[in-house]
Protein backbone atom coordinates (compact mmCIF):
# COMPACT_ATOMS: atom_id res chain seq x y z
CA MET A 1 141.84 144.83 10.46
CA SER A 2 145.04 142.77 11.18
CA GLN A 3 146.59 143.06 14.82
CA GLU A 4 150.56 142.81 13.98
CA TRP A 5 151.22 141.66 17.76
CA PHE A 6 148.93 138.36 16.71
CA ARG A 7 150.30 136.26 14.19
CA LEU A 8 149.86 132.45 13.33
CA ASP A 9 151.85 133.13 10.16
CA GLY A 10 152.71 129.07 9.12
CA LYS A 11 149.95 127.62 11.68
CA VAL A 12 147.08 125.28 10.72
CA ALA A 13 144.07 125.95 12.57
CA LEU A 14 140.90 123.64 12.29
CA ILE A 15 137.88 125.19 13.21
CA THR A 16 134.33 123.34 14.00
CA GLY A 17 131.24 124.38 13.28
CA ALA A 18 132.83 127.11 11.09
CA ALA A 19 130.04 127.13 8.23
CA GLN A 20 128.56 130.47 10.03
CA GLY A 21 128.13 132.40 13.24
CA ILE A 22 130.91 132.34 15.77
CA GLY A 23 132.57 129.57 13.97
CA ARG A 24 132.99 131.43 10.85
CA ALA A 25 133.95 134.64 12.47
CA VAL A 26 136.87 132.83 14.39
CA ALA A 27 137.97 131.56 10.95
CA GLU A 28 138.21 134.74 9.46
CA ALA A 29 140.16 136.12 12.25
CA LEU A 30 142.55 133.36 12.61
CA ALA A 31 143.07 133.41 8.52
CA GLU A 32 143.47 137.45 8.77
CA ALA A 33 146.42 136.39 11.45
CA GLY A 34 148.00 134.14 8.85
CA ALA A 35 147.03 130.88 9.68
CA ARG A 36 146.15 128.00 7.18
CA LEU A 37 142.44 126.89 7.69
CA VAL A 38 140.46 123.72 7.86
CA ILE A 39 136.78 124.48 8.18
CA VAL A 40 134.65 121.54 9.37
CA ASP A 41 130.68 121.79 9.74
CA HIS A 42 128.13 119.38 9.02
CA GLN A 43 126.05 121.65 7.46
CA ALA A 44 127.35 120.46 4.15
CA ASP A 45 125.26 123.16 1.70
CA LYS A 46 126.73 126.18 3.81
CA LEU A 47 130.41 124.64 4.37
CA PRO A 48 131.35 125.72 0.51
CA GLN A 49 130.05 129.23 0.71
CA THR A 50 132.17 130.09 3.75
CA ALA A 51 134.93 128.46 2.10
CA ALA A 52 134.71 130.51 -1.18
CA ALA A 53 134.33 133.83 0.61
CA LEU A 54 137.66 132.87 2.64
CA THR A 55 139.47 131.69 -0.68
CA GLY A 56 138.34 134.78 -2.29
CA GLN A 57 139.89 137.01 0.55
CA GLY A 58 143.37 135.08 -0.52
CA TYR A 59 142.98 132.65 2.58
CA HIS A 60 144.70 129.39 2.56
CA VAL A 61 141.15 127.15 3.16
CA VAL A 62 140.29 123.52 3.00
CA SER A 63 137.01 122.70 3.73
CA VAL A 64 135.43 118.99 5.32
CA PRO A 65 131.56 118.51 5.80
CA ALA A 66 131.66 116.11 8.85
CA ASP A 67 129.55 115.40 12.07
CA VAL A 68 131.95 115.91 14.56
CA THR A 69 130.17 113.59 16.98
CA VAL A 70 130.86 110.61 14.67
CA PRO A 71 134.56 109.58 15.28
CA GLY A 72 135.23 107.68 11.91
CA GLN A 73 134.24 111.11 10.10
CA VAL A 74 136.56 112.92 12.67
CA ASP A 75 139.41 110.92 11.73
CA GLU A 76 138.98 111.22 8.42
CA LEU A 77 138.82 114.97 8.33
CA VAL A 78 142.30 114.84 10.38
CA GLN A 79 143.54 112.92 7.75
CA GLN A 80 142.58 115.18 5.01
CA ALA A 81 143.97 118.36 7.10
CA ILE A 82 147.28 116.38 7.72
CA ALA A 83 147.48 115.39 3.81
CA ALA A 84 146.77 118.92 2.72
CA TYR A 85 149.12 120.96 5.55
CA GLY A 86 151.22 118.36 7.18
CA THR A 87 150.03 119.44 10.94
CA ILE A 88 147.58 120.69 12.91
CA ASP A 89 148.62 123.60 15.56
CA ILE A 90 145.09 125.18 16.68
CA LEU A 91 142.12 123.09 17.26
CA VAL A 92 138.70 125.40 17.94
CA ASN A 93 136.16 123.13 18.86
CA ASN A 94 133.20 125.57 18.19
CA ALA A 95 130.45 122.87 17.18
CA GLY A 96 127.50 122.82 19.37
CA GLY A 97 124.65 124.52 20.29
CA SER A 98 120.90 123.32 21.30
CA GLY A 99 119.63 123.47 17.66
CA ASN A 100 116.25 125.10 17.13
CA VAL A 101 114.57 123.04 19.61
CA GLY A 102 111.78 125.36 20.52
CA ILE A 103 111.16 123.55 23.88
CA HIS A 104 110.21 126.02 27.10
CA HIS A 105 109.78 123.45 29.51
CA ILE A 106 112.07 120.61 30.48
CA GLU A 107 109.75 118.07 30.69
CA ASP A 108 109.08 118.20 26.99
CA VAL A 109 112.64 117.82 26.54
CA SER A 110 113.12 113.92 25.42
CA ASP A 111 115.97 111.64 25.93
CA ASP A 112 116.76 112.16 22.18
CA LEU A 113 117.11 115.69 21.83
CA TRP A 114 119.14 115.85 25.08
CA ASP A 115 121.71 113.15 23.97
CA ALA A 116 121.91 114.97 20.55
CA VAL A 117 122.87 118.25 22.39
CA ILE A 118 125.24 116.52 24.66
CA ASP A 119 126.81 114.76 21.78
CA ALA A 120 127.05 118.30 19.85
CA ASN A 121 128.53 120.51 22.75
CA LEU A 122 130.59 117.59 24.71
CA LYS A 123 131.42 114.46 22.76
CA SER A 124 132.26 116.55 19.51
CA ALA A 125 135.04 118.41 21.37
CA PHE A 126 136.37 115.11 22.98
CA VAL A 127 136.14 113.25 19.59
CA CYS A 128 138.08 115.96 17.76
CA CYS A 129 140.78 116.36 20.85
CA ARG A 130 141.44 112.68 20.66
CA ALA A 131 141.93 112.92 16.83
CA VAL A 132 143.85 115.94 16.75
CA VAL A 133 146.31 115.72 19.60
CA PRO A 134 148.77 112.68 18.21
CA HIS A 135 149.52 115.13 15.06
CA ARG A 136 150.08 118.34 16.78
CA PRO A 137 153.76 119.46 17.07
CA SER A 138 153.26 120.06 20.94
CA ARG A 139 150.88 117.33 22.68
CA TYR A 140 149.12 119.94 24.92
CA GLY A 141 146.96 122.64 24.73
CA ARG A 142 146.97 126.17 25.91
CA GLY A 143 145.31 129.93 25.55
CA SER A 144 148.43 131.40 23.94
CA PRO A 145 149.33 130.92 20.32
CA ASN A 146 152.84 130.58 21.03
């Protein structure tokens, strides 16, 4: 149900980790509020289903499969967003998590696994902010859509 007091008409939102779960729910909420979407996820097999569902509801969606821990891929997805919409007003750094590690004891966590989790949760946010901020109408972030 749309909240008339929360409108994002004319705004462009880029959401990482948007193929499922929280990212997909955020994309749906922002689209319902009037935002045009750029949805991004490394799960290239799931992303088209999400894009089709959103497009089927009449929302404007560009989907880009990308690993947001890789600066070159992030730069490319930002260029695709700019080409499609001319701007990016909102960045939702949702990508991350711990994966399906199934580890119960810290001594079982390898350095490679630790690095992958840190990259997914922290590096991805930094890389995306660094790539998006120069293209934002205002070069800062805040919690309010106004």
